Amino acid sequence: MKLKKVFVTLAVSAALFSCSTPTNIVYMQDTYDDALIEAVKSNPIRLKPMDQISVIVNCREPQIAAMFNLPYLTRRLGEAQSLSGSSGNIGNMNTANAISGYTVDSEGCIDFPVLGKIFVQGLTRAEATEHIKELLIQSNQIKDPVVTIEFMNLGFSVLGEVSRPGRYRIDRDEFTVLDAISLAGDLNINGERENITVIRDFGKDGERFYKMNLTKAESVFNSPAYYMEQGDIVYVTPNPKRRRESTEVANSAFTPSFWISLVSAVTSVTSTIVVLLTK
């Protein structure tokens, strides 16, 4: 009977242990009310070769501004055509207006109408805006230009244990890794919060890997990869349970039902042996 009590105790303990709340699910566990954690210095997106941007010039005289603007395009069945008239649907075909963009070449320049080659590599969107505005004023063709620059193809990828893995667009100057994870629908229950990797391409210098622990605020906000750059890849590592699912045995040996069944079987066998020995 003592053995039976021991095995019952083990079964209850196993069940309670399996139902315990994991400590690695909650984000930023090292924070408290009114906690102040300084993030790394702001790092706005800076233009690189092969980036695409739209540049729109406006002023009081639209005809003059038009000289510095690329034509609008309409996409029809995957083809791009110049718009010569009003926009909209052509028959039953769906069309969508789009602004032509500039691609930063290998030398870090865009080929701008009238002004020619303009070096923009390494500039933030605000810096590139001011630079083009100054060049327009110096050309003596526009006195009061208003320049608007938007990112077109800048993005990042999120892989691993998130709800919606895929490639996402960067739509503003300061984009954090938390923004990236949020767009991907957050980590699912099988993602390791303590093991996030950001892979960043440095061109000829190769790629750099940054590790991050979402359960610790300082690990997130003090990481060099806190602010995303175009082309970054965020990888969420699967936890041991998820990795075991790739094996034949999978997680059957780690489920509460398995241990309870095992303890029950051992208890039954032990009870039978005790009964036979006492006869």
Protein backbone atom coordinates (compact mmCIF):
# COMPACT_ATOMS: atom_id res chain seq x y z
CA MET A 1 0.00 0.00 0.00
CA LYS A 2 2.90 2.34 0.71
CA LEU A 3 4.18 1.81 -2.83
CA LYS A 4 0.76 2.59 -4.19
CA LYS A 5 0.66 5.88 -2.25
CA VAL A 6 4.10 6.78 -3.57
CA PHE A 7 3.07 6.24 -7.17
CA VAL A 8 -0.16 8.20 -6.69
CA THR A 9 1.87 11.07 -5.25
CA LEU A 10 4.17 10.98 -8.26
CA ALA A 11 1.19 11.06 -10.62
CA VAL A 12 -0.31 14.10 -8.89
CA SER A 13 3.08 15.85 -8.87
CA ALA A 14 3.54 15.19 -12.56
CA ALA A 15 0.11 16.62 -13.31
CA LEU A 16 0.73 19.73 -11.21
CA PHE A 17 4.16 20.23 -12.76
CA SER A 18 2.76 19.98 -16.28
CA CYS A 19 0.10 22.59 -15.46
CA SER A 20 2.55 25.09 -13.99
CA THR A 21 2.83 28.45 -15.75
CA PRO A 22 5.99 28.80 -17.88
CA THR A 23 8.23 31.72 -16.93
CA ASN A 24 9.49 32.37 -20.44
CA ILE A 25 6.25 33.60 -22.05
CA VAL A 26 5.86 37.10 -20.61
CA TYR A 27 7.81 39.84 -22.38
CA MET A 28 10.15 42.23 -20.54
CA GLN A 29 9.95 40.61 -17.12
CA ASP A 30 12.72 42.82 -15.77
CA THR A 31 10.56 45.96 -15.87
CA TYR A 32 8.34 47.45 -13.20
CA ASP A 33 6.00 50.43 -12.84
CA ASP A 34 7.59 53.68 -14.04
CA ALA A 35 10.76 51.81 -15.04
CA LEU A 36 13.02 53.83 -17.33
CA ILE A 37 15.14 51.93 -19.82
CA GLU A 38 17.04 54.02 -22.34
CA ALA A 39 16.93 52.64 -25.87
CA VAL A 40 19.85 52.81 -28.27
CA LYS A 41 20.26 56.05 -30.16
CA SER A 42 17.66 56.68 -32.82
CA ASN A 43 18.72 55.20 -36.15
CA PRO A 44 16.52 56.33 -39.10
CA ILE A 45 16.62 54.34 -42.33
CA ARG A 46 19.49 55.41 -44.58
CA LEU A 47 19.40 54.86 -48.31
CA LYS A 48 21.47 52.10 -49.88
CA PRO A 49 22.13 50.95 -53.46
CA MET A 50 19.14 49.18 -55.04
CA ASP A 51 16.67 51.04 -52.80
CA GLN A 52 13.73 52.54 -54.64
CA ILE A 53 12.21 55.88 -53.67
CA SER A 54 9.58 58.20 -55.06
CA VAL A 55 10.40 61.91 -55.27
CA ILE A 56 7.59 64.39 -55.85
CA VAL A 57 8.26 68.10 -56.43
CA ASN A 58 5.57 70.72 -55.97
CA CYS A 59 5.59 74.51 -56.19
CA ARG A 60 3.28 77.43 -56.99
CA GLU A 61 3.69 76.84 -60.72
CA PRO A 62 2.63 73.24 -61.50
CA GLN A 63 4.01 73.36 -65.04
CA ILE A 64 7.52 74.03 -63.74
CA ALA A 65 7.24 71.35 -61.05
CA ALA A 66 6.11 68.85 -63.70
CA MET A 67 9.56 69.01 -65.30
CA PHE A 68 11.03 67.40 -62.18
CA ASN A 69 8.42 64.67 -61.71
CA LEU A 70 8.35 61.27 -63.35
CA PRO A 71 5.05 60.28 -64.97
CA TYR A 72 2.37 58.41 -63.12
CA LEU A 73 1.91 54.81 -64.19
CA THR A 74 -1.09 52.56 -64.41
CA ARG A 75 -0.73 48.83 -63.94
CA ARG A 76 -3.05 46.73 -66.08
CA LEU A 77 -2.87 42.96 -65.98
CA GLY A 78 0.68 43.17 -64.66
CA GLU A 79 1.85 45.67 -67.29
CA ALA A 80 2.91 49.27 -66.73
CA GLN A 81 1.72 52.01 -69.10
CA SER A 82 2.11 55.79 -69.04
CA LEU A 83 -0.99 57.75 -68.18
CA SER A 84 -1.84 60.46 -70.69
CA GLY A 85 -5.31 61.23 -69.40
CA SER A 86 -7.54 60.68 -66.42
CA SER A 87 -7.07 57.69 -64.18
CA GLY A 88 -9.56 54.97 -63.39
CA ASN A 89 -10.79 51.67 -64.68
CA ILE A 90 -10.43 50.80 -68.36
CA GLY A 91 -13.56 48.84 -69.20
CA ASN A 92 -13.76 45.98 -66.72
CA MET A 93 -9.98 45.87 -66.20
CA ASN A 94 -8.67 46.83 -62.80
CA THR A 95 -6.04 49.54 -62.91
CA ALA A 96 -4.06 51.15 -60.13
CA ASN A 97 -2.15 54.43 -60.30
CA ALA A 98 1.43 54.38 -59.11
CA ILE A 99 4.23 56.90 -58.94
CA SER A 100 7.35 56.10 -60.88
CA GLY A 101 10.34 55.62 -58.65
CA TYR A 102 14.07 56.11 -58.66
CA THR A 103 16.47 53.26 -57.99
CA VAL A 104 19.65 54.11 -56.14
CA ASP A 105 22.45 52.83 -58.38
CA SER A 106 25.68 51.08 -57.37
CA GLU A 107 27.37 54.46 -57.00
CA GLY A 108 24.72 55.67 -54.57
CA CYS A 109 23.01 58.07 -57.01
CA ILE A 110 19.59 58.60 -58.55
CA ASP A 111 19.18 60.00 -62.06
CA PHE A 112 16.91 63.01 -61.48
CA PRO A 113 15.17 64.97 -64.25
CA VAL A 114 16.93 68.19 -65.26
CA LEU A 115 19.40 68.01 -62.35
CA GLY A 116 21.02 64.72 -63.44
CA LYS A 117 22.88 62.46 -61.02
CA ILE A 118 22.23 63.16 -57.33
CA PHE A 119 24.15 61.29 -54.62
CA VAL A 120 21.78 60.05 -51.90
CA GLN A 121 23.46 56.96 -50.44
CA GLY A 122 23.77 57.13 -46.67
CA LEU A 123 21.18 59.90 -46.37
CA THR A 124 18.00 59.65 -44.33
CA ARG A 125 14.73 60.52 -45.99
CA ALA A 126 14.77 63.97 -44.35
CA GLU A 127 18.37 64.61 -45.40
CA ALA A 128 17.69 63.53 -48.99
CA THR A 129 14.63 65.80 -49.07
CA GLU A 130 16.63 68.84 -47.97
CA HIS A 131 19.48 68.00 -50.35
CA ILE A 132 17.20 67.84 -53.40
CA LYS A 133 15.36 70.96 -52.29
CA GLU A 134 18.65 72.89 -52.11
CA LEU A 135 19.69 71.67 -55.56
CA LEU A 136 16.35 72.78 -57.02
CA ILE A 137 16.74 76.25 -55.53
CA GLN A 138 20.34 76.48 -56.77
CA SER A 139 19.15 75.62 -60.29
CA ASN A 140 17.21 78.93 -60.28
CA GLN A 141 14.18 77.20 -61.75
CA ILE A 142 12.10 76.80 -58.59
CA LYS A 143 12.13 79.32 -55.76
CA ASP A 144 9.79 77.61 -53.34
CA PRO A 145 9.98 73.83 -53.92
CA VAL A 146 8.17 71.34 -51.73
CA VAL A 147 9.86 67.93 -51.98
CA THR A 148 8.26 64.70 -50.73
CA ILE A 149 10.19 61.41 -50.63
CA GLU A 150 8.63 58.04 -49.89
CA PHE A 151 10.16 54.57 -49.59
CA MET A 152 8.97 52.12 -52.24
CA ASN A 153 10.69 48.72 -51.98
CA LEU A 154 12.20 48.86 -48.50
CA GLY A 155 11.22 45.88 -46.39
CA PHE A 156 12.22 43.13 -43.97
CA SER A 157 11.36 39.47 -43.44
CA VAL A 158 10.10 37.59 -40.37
CA LEU A 159 10.64 33.82 -40.23
CA GLY A 160 10.12 31.07 -37.70
CA GLU A 161 7.52 30.75 -34.96
CA VAL A 162 5.26 33.75 -35.64
CA SER A 163 1.63 33.88 -36.66
CA ARG A 164 2.22 35.35 -40.11
CA PRO A 165 5.79 34.81 -41.41
CA GLY A 166 6.65 36.71 -44.55
CA ARG A 167 8.11 39.88 -46.01
CA TYR A 168 6.79 43.25 -44.83
CA ARG A 169 7.17 46.83 -45.98
CA ILE A 170 9.03 49.55 -44.09
CA ASP A 171 6.79 52.61 -44.26
CA ARG A 172 8.52 55.05 -41.92
CA ASP A 173 11.97 56.27 -40.92
CA GLU A 174 12.24 54.58 -37.52
CA PHE A 175 11.01 51.00 -37.50
CA THR A 176 11.76 48.78 -34.50
CA VAL A 177 12.04 45.03 -34.10
CA LEU A 178 8.90 45.16 -31.95
CA ASP A 179 7.07 46.77 -34.87
CA ALA A 180 8.34 43.96 -37.10
CA ILE A 181 7.14 41.23 -34.73
CA SER A 182 3.80 42.98 -34.31
CA LEU A 183 3.23 43.09 -38.07
CA ALA A 184 3.93 39.35 -38.23
CA GLY A 185 1.16 38.73 -35.69
CA ASP A 186 3.45 38.23 -32.67
CA LEU A 187 5.19 35.01 -31.66
CA ASN A 188 3.05 31.93 -31.36
CA ILE A 189 3.23 29.73 -28.26
CA ASN A 190 6.06 27.66 -29.75
CA GLY A 191 8.45 30.57 -30.27
CA GLU A 192 11.40 31.02 -27.91
CA ARG A 193 11.10 34.51 -26.47
CA GLU A 194 14.68 34.30 -25.22
CA ASN A 195 16.17 33.48 -28.62
CA ILE A 196 15.35 36.03 -31.32
CA THR A 197 17.91 36.54 -34.10
CA VAL A 198 18.15 39.56 -36.41
CA ILE A 199 20.29 38.94 -39.50
CA ARG A 200 21.67 42.08 -41.16
CA ASP A 201 23.46 42.25 -44.49
CA PHE A 202 26.58 44.44 -44.62
CA GLY A 203 27.28 43.85 -48.27
CA LYS A 204 30.92 43.02 -48.96
CA ASP A 205 31.56 42.79 -45.21
CA GLY A 206 29.17 39.85 -44.90
CA GLU A 207 26.23 39.33 -42.57
CA ARG A 208 25.98 40.00 -38.86
CA PHE A 209 23.78 38.14 -36.37
CA TYR A 210 22.21 39.94 -33.40
CA LYS A 211 20.67 37.93 -30.55
CA MET A 212 17.80 39.28 -28.51
CA ASN A 213 15.81 38.13 -25.46
CA LEU A 214 12.25 39.47 -25.43
CA THR A 215 11.79 38.56 -21.76
CA LYS A 216 14.43 41.14 -20.84
CA ALA A 217 13.76 44.76 -21.76
CA GLU A 218 17.42 45.77 -21.74
CA SER A 219 18.26 43.01 -24.23
CA VAL A 220 15.66 44.46 -26.61
CA PHE A 221 16.09 48.22 -26.24
CA ASN A 222 19.88 48.14 -26.03
CA SER A 223 20.37 45.89 -29.05
CA PRO A 224 22.07 47.37 -32.15
CA ALA A 225 19.25 45.71 -34.09
CA TYR A 226 16.44 47.40 -32.12
CA TYR A 227 15.91 49.73 -35.07
CA MET A 228 15.37 47.75 -38.25
CA GLU A 229 17.15 48.33 -41.53
CA GLN A 230 16.01 47.45 -45.02
CA GLY A 231 16.71 43.82 -45.82
CA ASP A 232 16.83 42.67 -42.19
CA ILE A 233 15.63 39.15 -41.38
CA VAL A 234 14.02 38.40 -37.99
CA TYR A 235 14.13 34.73 -37.05
CA VAL A 236 12.18 33.30 -34.11
CA THR A 237 13.67 30.02 -32.89
CA PRO A 238 11.21 27.16 -32.18
CA ASN A 239 11.14 25.91 -28.60
CA PRO A 240 12.15 22.32 -27.66
CA LYS A 241 8.53 21.10 -27.87
CA ARG A 242 8.25 22.36 -31.43
CA ARG A 243 11.61 20.87 -32.41
CA ARG A 244 10.63 17.49 -30.97
CA GLU A 245 7.58 17.41 -33.23
CA SER A 246 9.89 16.68 -36.14
CA THR A 247 10.81 13.30 -34.60
CA GLU A 248 8.80 10.08 -34.83
CA VAL A 249 8.14 9.96 -31.10
CA ALA A 250 7.29 13.65 -31.14
CA ASN A 251 6.15 14.97 -27.76
CA SER A 252 4.25 11.93 -26.55
CA ALA A 253 6.81 11.26 -23.81
CA PHE A 254 6.47 14.83 -22.51
CA THR A 255 2.71 15.17 -22.23
CA PRO A 256 0.87 14.96 -18.86
CA SER A 257 -1.35 12.16 -20.15
CA PHE A 258 1.69 10.04 -20.94
CA TRP A 259 3.14 10.37 -17.43
CA ILE A 260 -0.22 9.82 -15.74
CA SER A 261 -0.79 6.71 -17.87
CA LEU A 262 2.69 5.48 -17.08
CA VAL A 263 2.31 6.01 -13.34
CA SER A 264 -1.14 4.39 -13.42
CA ALA A 265 0.24 1.33 -15.21
CA VAL A 266 3.14 1.02 -12.78
CA THR A 267 0.76 1.43 -9.84
CA SER A 268 -1.54 -1.27 -11.23
CA VAL A 269 1.32 -3.68 -11.80
CA THR A 270 2.75 -2.97 -8.34
CA SER A 271 -0.65 -3.53 -6.71
CA THR A 272 -1.03 -6.85 -8.53
CA ILE A 273 2.41 -7.98 -7.39
CA VAL A 274 1.66 -6.96 -3.79
CA VAL A 275 -1.64 -8.91 -3.87
CA LEU A 276 0.05 -12.02 -5.25
CA LEU A 277 2.85 -11.84 -2.67
CA THR A 278 0.44 -11.47 0.21
CA LYS A 279 -1.56 -14.56 -0.73
